[in-house]
Protein backbone atom coordinates (compact mmCIF):
# COMPACT_ATOMS: atom_id res chain seq x y z
CA MET A 1 79.06 128.69 72.12
CA LYS A 2 77.25 125.76 72.53
CA THR A 3 78.61 124.26 69.53
CA ILE A 4 82.17 125.35 70.90
CA ARG A 5 81.62 124.14 74.29
CA LYS A 6 80.49 120.58 72.85
CA LEU A 7 83.72 120.67 70.86
CA VAL A 8 86.04 121.57 73.59
CA HIS A 9 84.39 118.93 76.00
CA ARG A 10 84.29 116.21 73.65
CA GLU A 11 88.01 116.28 72.61
CA ILE A 12 88.93 116.60 76.48
CA ILE A 13 87.19 114.01 77.59
CA GLY A 14 88.43 111.59 74.95
CA ALA A 15 92.12 112.63 75.56
CA VAL A 16 91.61 112.23 79.41
CA ALA A 17 90.07 108.53 78.67
CA PHE A 18 92.84 107.94 76.41
CA VAL A 19 95.69 109.00 78.92
CA THR A 20 93.91 107.30 81.63
CA LEU A 21 93.52 103.87 79.97
CA GLY A 22 97.23 104.11 79.19
CA PHE A 23 98.39 104.81 82.75
CA LEU A 24 95.94 102.10 84.17
CA ALA A 25 97.56 99.81 81.66
CA LEU A 26 100.89 100.79 82.86
CA PHE A 27 99.78 100.06 86.42
CA PHE A 28 98.01 96.94 85.51
CA PHE A 29 101.48 95.59 84.22
CA PHE A 30 103.47 96.45 87.28
CA ASP A 31 101.08 95.31 89.70
CA LEU A 32 100.68 91.81 87.86
CA VAL A 33 104.39 91.55 87.76
CA ASP A 34 104.64 92.13 91.49
CA GLU A 35 102.01 89.86 92.31
CA LEU A 36 103.66 87.02 90.63
CA ARG A 37 106.01 86.45 93.54
CA TRP A 38 103.03 85.05 95.28
CA LEU A 39 102.14 82.28 93.05
CA ASN A 40 102.56 78.83 94.85
CA ARG A 41 103.11 80.91 98.40
CA SER A 42 99.76 80.41 99.36
CA ALA A 43 98.38 78.33 102.31
CA THR A 44 95.99 76.61 100.21
CA PRO A 45 96.96 75.89 96.66
CA GLY A 46 94.27 78.29 94.81
CA TYR A 47 96.47 81.67 94.48
CA ASP A 48 97.17 81.28 90.68
CA ILE A 49 97.55 83.34 87.84
CA SER A 50 93.99 83.93 87.30
CA ARG A 51 93.53 85.01 90.93
CA ALA A 52 96.42 87.03 90.54
CA VAL A 53 94.97 88.90 87.71
CA LEU A 54 91.59 89.21 89.25
CA PHE A 55 93.45 90.78 92.56
CA VAL A 56 95.10 93.19 90.02
CA VAL A 57 92.02 94.18 88.22
CA LEU A 58 89.97 94.85 91.46
CA SER A 59 92.88 97.22 92.40
CA ILE A 60 92.35 99.33 89.20
CA PRO A 61 89.52 101.62 90.81
CA SER A 62 92.03 102.68 93.44
CA HIS A 63 94.67 103.44 90.76
CA LEU A 64 92.00 105.60 89.10
CA TYR A 65 90.84 107.67 92.00
CA GLU A 66 94.56 108.60 92.19
CA LEU A 67 95.26 109.22 88.61
CA LEU A 68 92.24 111.33 87.57
CA PRO A 69 93.53 114.63 88.48
CA ILE A 70 96.80 113.96 86.68
CA THR A 71 95.17 112.57 83.82
CA VAL A 72 92.68 115.42 83.48
CA LEU A 73 95.91 117.97 83.73
CA ILE A 74 97.52 116.04 80.92
CA GLY A 75 94.46 115.48 78.57
CA THR A 76 93.48 119.24 79.04
CA ILE A 77 96.95 120.20 78.07
CA PHE A 78 97.23 118.22 75.03
CA VAL A 79 93.91 119.48 73.75
CA MET A 80 94.25 123.11 74.67
CA ALA A 81 97.83 123.07 72.95
CA ARG A 82 96.92 121.15 69.81
CA LEU A 83 93.79 123.64 69.28
CA ALA A 84 96.50 126.53 69.60
CA GLN A 85 98.67 124.87 67.24
CA SER A 86 96.21 124.37 64.66
CA SER A 87 94.60 127.77 65.00
CA GLU A 88 91.56 126.49 65.91
CA PHE A 89 91.65 128.07 69.30
CA THR A 90 92.46 131.57 67.46
CA ILE A 91 89.24 130.86 65.17
CA MET A 92 87.14 130.18 68.48
CA ARG A 93 88.46 133.49 70.25
CA THR A 94 87.34 135.56 67.11
CA SER A 95 83.72 134.01 67.37
CA GLY A 96 83.40 135.34 71.00
CA LEU A 97 85.20 132.93 73.47
CA GLY A 98 87.08 135.18 75.42
CA PRO A 99 89.15 134.18 78.68
CA GLY A 100 86.25 134.66 81.05
CA ARG A 101 84.04 132.14 79.08
CA ALA A 102 86.85 129.76 78.14
CA LEU A 103 87.53 129.42 81.85
CA ARG A 104 83.71 128.90 82.64
CA THR A 105 83.57 126.28 79.93
CA LEU A 106 86.65 124.16 81.63
CA LEU A 107 85.32 124.96 84.84
CA ALA A 108 82.14 123.15 83.90
CA LEU A 109 83.78 120.26 82.65
CA GLY A 110 86.25 120.35 85.71
CA SER A 111 82.96 119.93 87.77
CA ALA A 112 82.18 116.86 86.01
CA PHE A 113 85.29 115.28 86.71
CA VAL A 114 85.24 116.30 90.36
CA LEU A 115 82.13 114.36 90.92
CA VAL A 116 83.59 111.20 88.65
CA THR A 117 86.63 111.34 91.10
CA PHE A 118 84.58 111.54 94.54
CA ALA A 119 82.26 108.66 93.09
CA VAL A 120 85.24 106.61 92.35
CA GLY A 121 87.02 107.49 95.69
CA ASP A 122 83.99 107.05 97.84
CA TYR A 123 82.17 104.38 96.36
CA LEU A 124 84.14 102.21 93.75
CA ALA A 125 87.32 102.18 95.21
CA PRO A 126 86.85 101.00 98.75
CA TRP A 127 84.29 98.21 97.48
CA SER A 128 86.83 96.75 95.05
CA ASP A 129 89.60 97.26 97.43
CA LYS A 130 87.61 95.23 99.87
CA ALA A 131 86.79 92.66 97.30
CA ALA A 132 90.46 92.36 96.19
CA GLN A 133 91.63 91.75 99.86
CA LEU A 134 89.09 89.35 100.14
CA VAL A 135 90.46 87.42 96.91
CA LYS A 136 93.98 87.43 98.26
CA ALA A 137 92.86 86.19 101.73
CA GLN A 138 91.08 83.62 100.38
CA SER A 139 94.03 82.31 98.85
CA LEU A 140 96.88 83.16 101.02
CA GLY A 141 94.81 82.28 104.09
CA ARG A 142 95.15 85.44 106.09
CA ILE A 143 96.10 89.26 105.51
CA SER A 144 97.92 91.06 108.63
CA THR A 145 100.18 94.50 108.92
CA GLY A 146 103.38 94.48 110.99
CA ALA A 147 104.55 92.11 113.21
CA THR A 148 101.65 92.11 115.66
CA GLY A 149 98.71 93.12 113.77
CA ALA A 150 96.23 96.04 114.63
CA TRP A 151 95.36 97.62 117.89
CA LEU A 152 92.35 99.42 118.79
CA LYS A 153 90.82 100.92 122.13
CA GLU A 154 87.65 101.14 123.43
CA ARG A 155 85.93 102.66 126.67
CA GLN A 156 82.79 100.93 127.88
CA GLY A 157 81.64 102.86 130.90
CA GLU A 158 84.18 102.78 133.79
CA GLN A 159 85.95 100.04 132.01
CA SER A 160 88.67 100.48 129.03
CA TYR A 161 89.45 97.48 126.50
CA ALA A 162 92.67 97.33 124.28
CA VAL A 163 92.18 95.04 121.07
CA ASN A 164 94.64 93.43 119.28
CA VAL A 165 93.52 91.69 115.88
CA ARG A 166 96.46 89.68 114.47
CA ALA A 167 94.95 89.39 110.88
CA ILE A 168 91.80 89.26 108.54
CA GLY A 169 91.01 85.52 107.49
CA SER A 170 89.66 84.51 104.30
CA ASP A 171 86.08 84.36 105.19
CA GLY A 172 86.42 88.39 106.28
CA GLY A 173 86.62 87.54 110.01
CA MET A 174 89.23 87.98 112.60
CA LEU A 175 92.41 85.59 113.70
CA ASP A 176 94.01 85.19 116.87
CA VAL A 177 91.99 87.88 118.58
CA ARG A 178 93.24 89.31 122.07
CA ILE A 179 91.17 91.80 124.34
CA PHE A 180 92.67 93.35 127.53
CA GLY A 181 90.09 94.87 129.94
CA PHE A 182 91.10 97.72 132.53
CA ASP A 183 89.34 98.72 135.42
CA ALA A 184 88.80 102.56 136.34
CA SER A 185 92.05 102.92 137.96
CA GLY A 186 93.84 101.58 134.89
CA ARG A 187 94.36 97.97 136.40
CA LEU A 188 94.40 94.82 134.32
CA ALA A 189 91.07 93.19 135.12
CA SER A 190 90.88 90.52 132.26
CA GLN A 191 92.22 89.06 129.39
CA THR A 192 90.58 87.09 126.51
CA HIS A 193 92.22 85.10 123.48
CA ALA A 194 90.10 83.79 120.86
CA ALA A 195 91.40 81.78 117.80
CA THR A 196 88.77 83.28 115.82
CA ALA A 197 86.03 85.89 115.94
CA ARG A 198 83.41 87.33 113.43
CA PHE A 199 81.08 90.09 113.24
CA GLU A 200 77.49 90.12 114.06
CA PRO A 201 74.68 92.21 112.32
CA ASP A 202 73.89 94.18 115.92
CA GLY A 203 77.62 95.27 115.96
CA ALA A 204 78.99 92.65 118.61
CA TRP A 205 81.69 90.31 118.18
CA THR A 206 81.45 86.39 118.62
CA LEU A 207 84.73 85.12 119.73
CA MET A 208 85.28 81.41 118.97
CA GLN A 209 87.45 79.12 121.12
CA ALA A 210 87.71 81.81 123.89
CA ARG A 211 90.16 81.55 126.91
CA HIS A 212 88.97 84.07 129.43
CA ASN A 213 91.09 85.08 132.23
CA ARG A 214 89.91 87.13 134.92
CA PHE A 215 92.19 88.65 137.35
CA PRO A 216 91.58 89.83 141.05
CA THR A 217 90.55 93.73 141.40
CA GLU A 218 92.24 95.89 143.62
CA GLY A 219 91.20 95.32 147.36
CA SER A 220 90.07 91.96 146.81
CA GLN A 221 90.74 89.32 149.07
CA GLU A 222 90.71 86.75 146.24
CA VAL A 223 94.38 86.44 144.91
CA ARG A 224 93.59 83.54 142.40
CA ILE A 225 93.18 84.20 138.61
CA GLU A 226 89.91 82.93 137.43
CA GLN A 227 90.11 80.71 134.01
CA GLU A 228 87.35 79.98 131.84
CA LEU A 229 87.24 78.20 128.36
CA LEU A 230 84.30 79.18 125.97
CA GLN A 231 83.52 77.79 122.31
CA GLU A 232 81.68 80.86 122.01
CA GLN A 233 81.62 84.26 123.69
CA ARG A 234 79.54 87.35 122.73
CA TRP A 235 81.45 90.39 123.43
CA PRO A 236 79.17 93.86 122.77
CA THR A 237 81.26 96.64 121.32
CA GLN A 238 81.46 99.53 119.10
CA ILE A 239 84.21 98.69 117.01
CA THR A 240 83.03 97.64 113.54
CA ALA A 241 84.10 95.91 110.55
CA ASP A 242 85.31 98.94 109.01
CA MET A 243 87.17 99.97 111.59
CA VAL A 244 89.19 96.76 111.97
CA SER A 245 89.94 96.96 108.27
CA ALA A 246 90.90 100.55 108.80
CA ALA A 247 93.44 99.55 111.49
CA VAL A 248 94.62 96.45 109.40
CA LEU A 249 94.85 97.68 105.75
CA LYS A 250 95.30 101.21 104.39
CA PRO A 251 92.94 104.27 105.72
CA ASP A 252 92.93 105.93 102.49
CA ARG A 253 90.79 103.10 100.94
CA MET A 254 88.09 103.97 103.37
CA ALA A 255 85.18 106.10 102.31
CA THR A 256 84.74 109.43 103.71
CA ILE A 257 81.71 108.65 106.02
CA ASP A 258 83.37 105.58 107.52
CA LEU A 259 86.47 107.63 108.12
CA PHE A 260 84.58 110.38 109.92
CA GLN A 261 83.19 107.68 111.95
CA TYR A 262 86.40 105.98 112.83
CA ILE A 263 87.87 109.23 113.74
CA ASN A 264 85.36 110.17 116.14
CA HIS A 265 85.68 106.57 117.63
CA LEU A 266 89.55 107.03 117.99
CA LYS A 267 88.87 110.72 119.93
CA ASP A 268 86.27 109.11 122.21
CA ASN A 269 88.92 106.59 123.22
CA GLY A 270 91.73 109.12 123.75
CA GLN A 271 93.55 107.88 121.06
CA SER A 272 95.72 110.08 118.35
CA ALA A 273 93.74 110.52 115.08
CA GLN A 274 95.99 112.95 113.48
CA ARG A 275 96.72 110.41 110.27
CA TYR A 276 93.22 109.83 109.65
CA GLU A 277 92.07 113.41 109.79
CA ILE A 278 94.86 113.94 107.30
CA GLU A 279 93.27 111.31 105.09
CA PHE A 280 89.77 112.46 105.74
CA TRP A 281 90.61 116.07 104.76
CA ARG A 282 92.70 114.77 101.56
CA LYS A 283 89.61 112.75 100.58
CA VAL A 284 87.48 116.18 100.92
CA PHE A 285 89.68 118.03 98.63
CA TYR A 286 91.55 115.69 96.36
CA PRO A 287 88.78 115.48 93.94
CA LEU A 288 88.58 119.50 93.74
CA SER A 289 92.06 119.33 92.48
CA CYS A 290 90.38 118.59 89.17
CA LEU A 291 89.13 122.07 88.93
CA VAL A 292 92.73 123.54 89.48
CA MET A 293 94.07 121.46 86.91
CA VAL A 294 91.58 122.44 84.14
CA VAL A 295 92.64 126.28 85.24
CA LEU A 296 96.44 125.11 84.99
CA ALA A 297 95.82 123.84 81.50
CA LEU A 298 94.08 126.84 80.10
CA PRO A 299 96.98 129.18 79.53
CA PHE A 300 98.31 126.74 76.85
CA ALA A 301 95.65 127.49 74.44
CA TYR A 302 97.26 131.16 74.43
CA LEU A 303 100.76 130.02 73.84
CA HIS A 304 102.33 130.30 70.39
CA PHE A 305 103.62 126.90 69.03
CA ARG A 306 106.05 125.89 66.53
CA SER A 307 105.48 122.64 64.63
CA GLY A 308 106.58 119.64 66.88
CA SER A 309 106.87 121.87 70.08
CA ILE A 310 103.57 120.68 71.18
CA THR A 311 105.41 117.48 72.56
CA GLY A 312 107.43 119.54 75.15
CA TYR A 313 104.44 121.24 76.56
CA VAL A 314 102.53 117.96 76.74
CA PHE A 315 105.65 116.82 78.89
CA SER A 316 105.65 119.70 80.99
CA GLY A 317 102.28 118.83 81.91
CA VAL A 318 103.00 114.95 82.96
CA MET A 319 105.75 116.64 85.22
CA ALA A 320 103.32 119.06 86.60
CA GLY A 321 101.11 116.11 87.46
CA ILE A 322 103.64 113.95 89.20
CA SER A 323 104.94 116.98 91.18
CA PHE A 324 101.24 117.50 92.15
CA PHE A 325 101.02 114.07 93.36
CA LEU A 326 104.69 113.92 95.38
CA LEU A 327 103.66 117.28 96.88
CA ASN A 328 100.47 115.69 97.96
CA ASN A 329 102.06 112.86 99.51
CA LEU A 330 104.80 114.81 100.97
CA PHE A 331 102.54 117.35 102.70
CA GLY A 332 100.58 114.18 104.61
CA PHE A 333 103.80 112.74 105.74
CA ALA A 334 105.37 116.03 107.16
CA GLY A 335 101.57 116.83 108.60
CA ASN A 336 101.78 113.75 110.39
CA LEU A 337 105.03 113.85 111.64
CA GLN A 338 104.95 117.78 112.63
CA ASN A 339 101.56 117.56 113.83
CA TRP A 340 100.19 120.30 111.41
CA SER A 341 96.79 121.06 110.97
CA PRO A 342 94.81 118.32 109.15
CA TRP A 343 92.82 120.49 106.90
CA LEU A 344 95.56 122.84 106.13
CA THR A 345 97.92 119.99 105.45
CA ALA A 346 95.41 118.37 102.85
CA ALA A 347 94.28 121.66 101.44
CA ALA A 348 98.06 122.95 101.00
CA PRO A 349 98.96 121.47 97.48
CA GLY A 350 95.42 122.45 96.12
CA ILE A 351 96.18 126.13 97.30
CA ILE A 352 99.66 126.21 95.78
CA TYR A 353 98.75 124.77 92.50
CA SER A 354 95.68 127.17 92.47
CA LEU A 355 97.71 129.99 93.10
CA LEU A 356 99.96 128.96 90.18
CA SER A 357 97.25 128.28 87.88
CA LEU A 358 95.62 131.60 88.59
CA ALA A 359 99.20 133.67 88.10
CA ALA A 360 99.70 131.86 84.71
CA PHE A 361 96.22 132.65 83.77
CA GLY A 362 96.66 136.15 84.84
CA TRP A 363 99.97 136.73 83.22
CA LEU A 364 99.29 134.60 79.89
CA VAL A 365 95.71 135.26 79.12
CA LEU A 366 94.66 138.66 80.80
CA ARG A 367 97.78 140.71 80.55
CA ARG A 368 98.94 139.41 76.86
């Protein structure tokens, strides 16, 4: 059995690697073509073809994280169908490879793919995505989202603050920062506008070229607005660089622990965290979909193939993988709009495909 297990694992790993490289090459070509439109449009003449290629290369781990469950399904289906077509799997069955042992063999390999997917999505992809955004920011001058940038909220004692960050600069700092302070009754108490701001190691922000306006409080006899111009101003806050990046960029590029901390920050400040909770649970359940995919591929080893019919089954695997990806995104958008339970929204595609895989396994393997 050890020899059979090594054979199956080696064949599947080779097929998955080949399919993954093919998909990544395709995404590399499409992303590079899309990046060509930014050439010679940068604020500084530095975004040339070499920078565009570097940006696309640094974006590859994010695509790898999204593609791994799909390529695991396609590669495993191809190997199982090829073993069945060449009657090798029939020989393995006569050698004692029963359905339960075959399932355990694939689940062991699927667990390894789960660990790889988790490591890529939680460590490699967030780091490479930040590096890619920094490359583009250094060449284009800034990175922003929407017309007004990102908005965040924080409560400090009896006061609350609404923070607007218009963009992230080429050095990783913040551009065009506005901070609105409100007192306990919700009245606007202060407004600070800074041209740039940077993150300090202790968590505070240093506001550069800041203009600070202090408004009269309720019951105060003073009606004059106090204005102060500062070259530097220190502002203590719990809003970290990862939180600003999540608000400006995509939340699915954050590590799981950073996403969890950002959700707690939103809840502590009375903000809606539905979108980020769904992304958090998707990052928890998404690597486990590799187990679902290997189980879904196992029944293909028990089918009877004619010459040339293996292509159709591999194509069905491609369609199943694409449908899982689409269903995963569909549930994410629908759950956010309909305010569904975040963990159920994230787990629903995996549960549906688990039931389908178990039904196919029971019908094709156990009953036939």
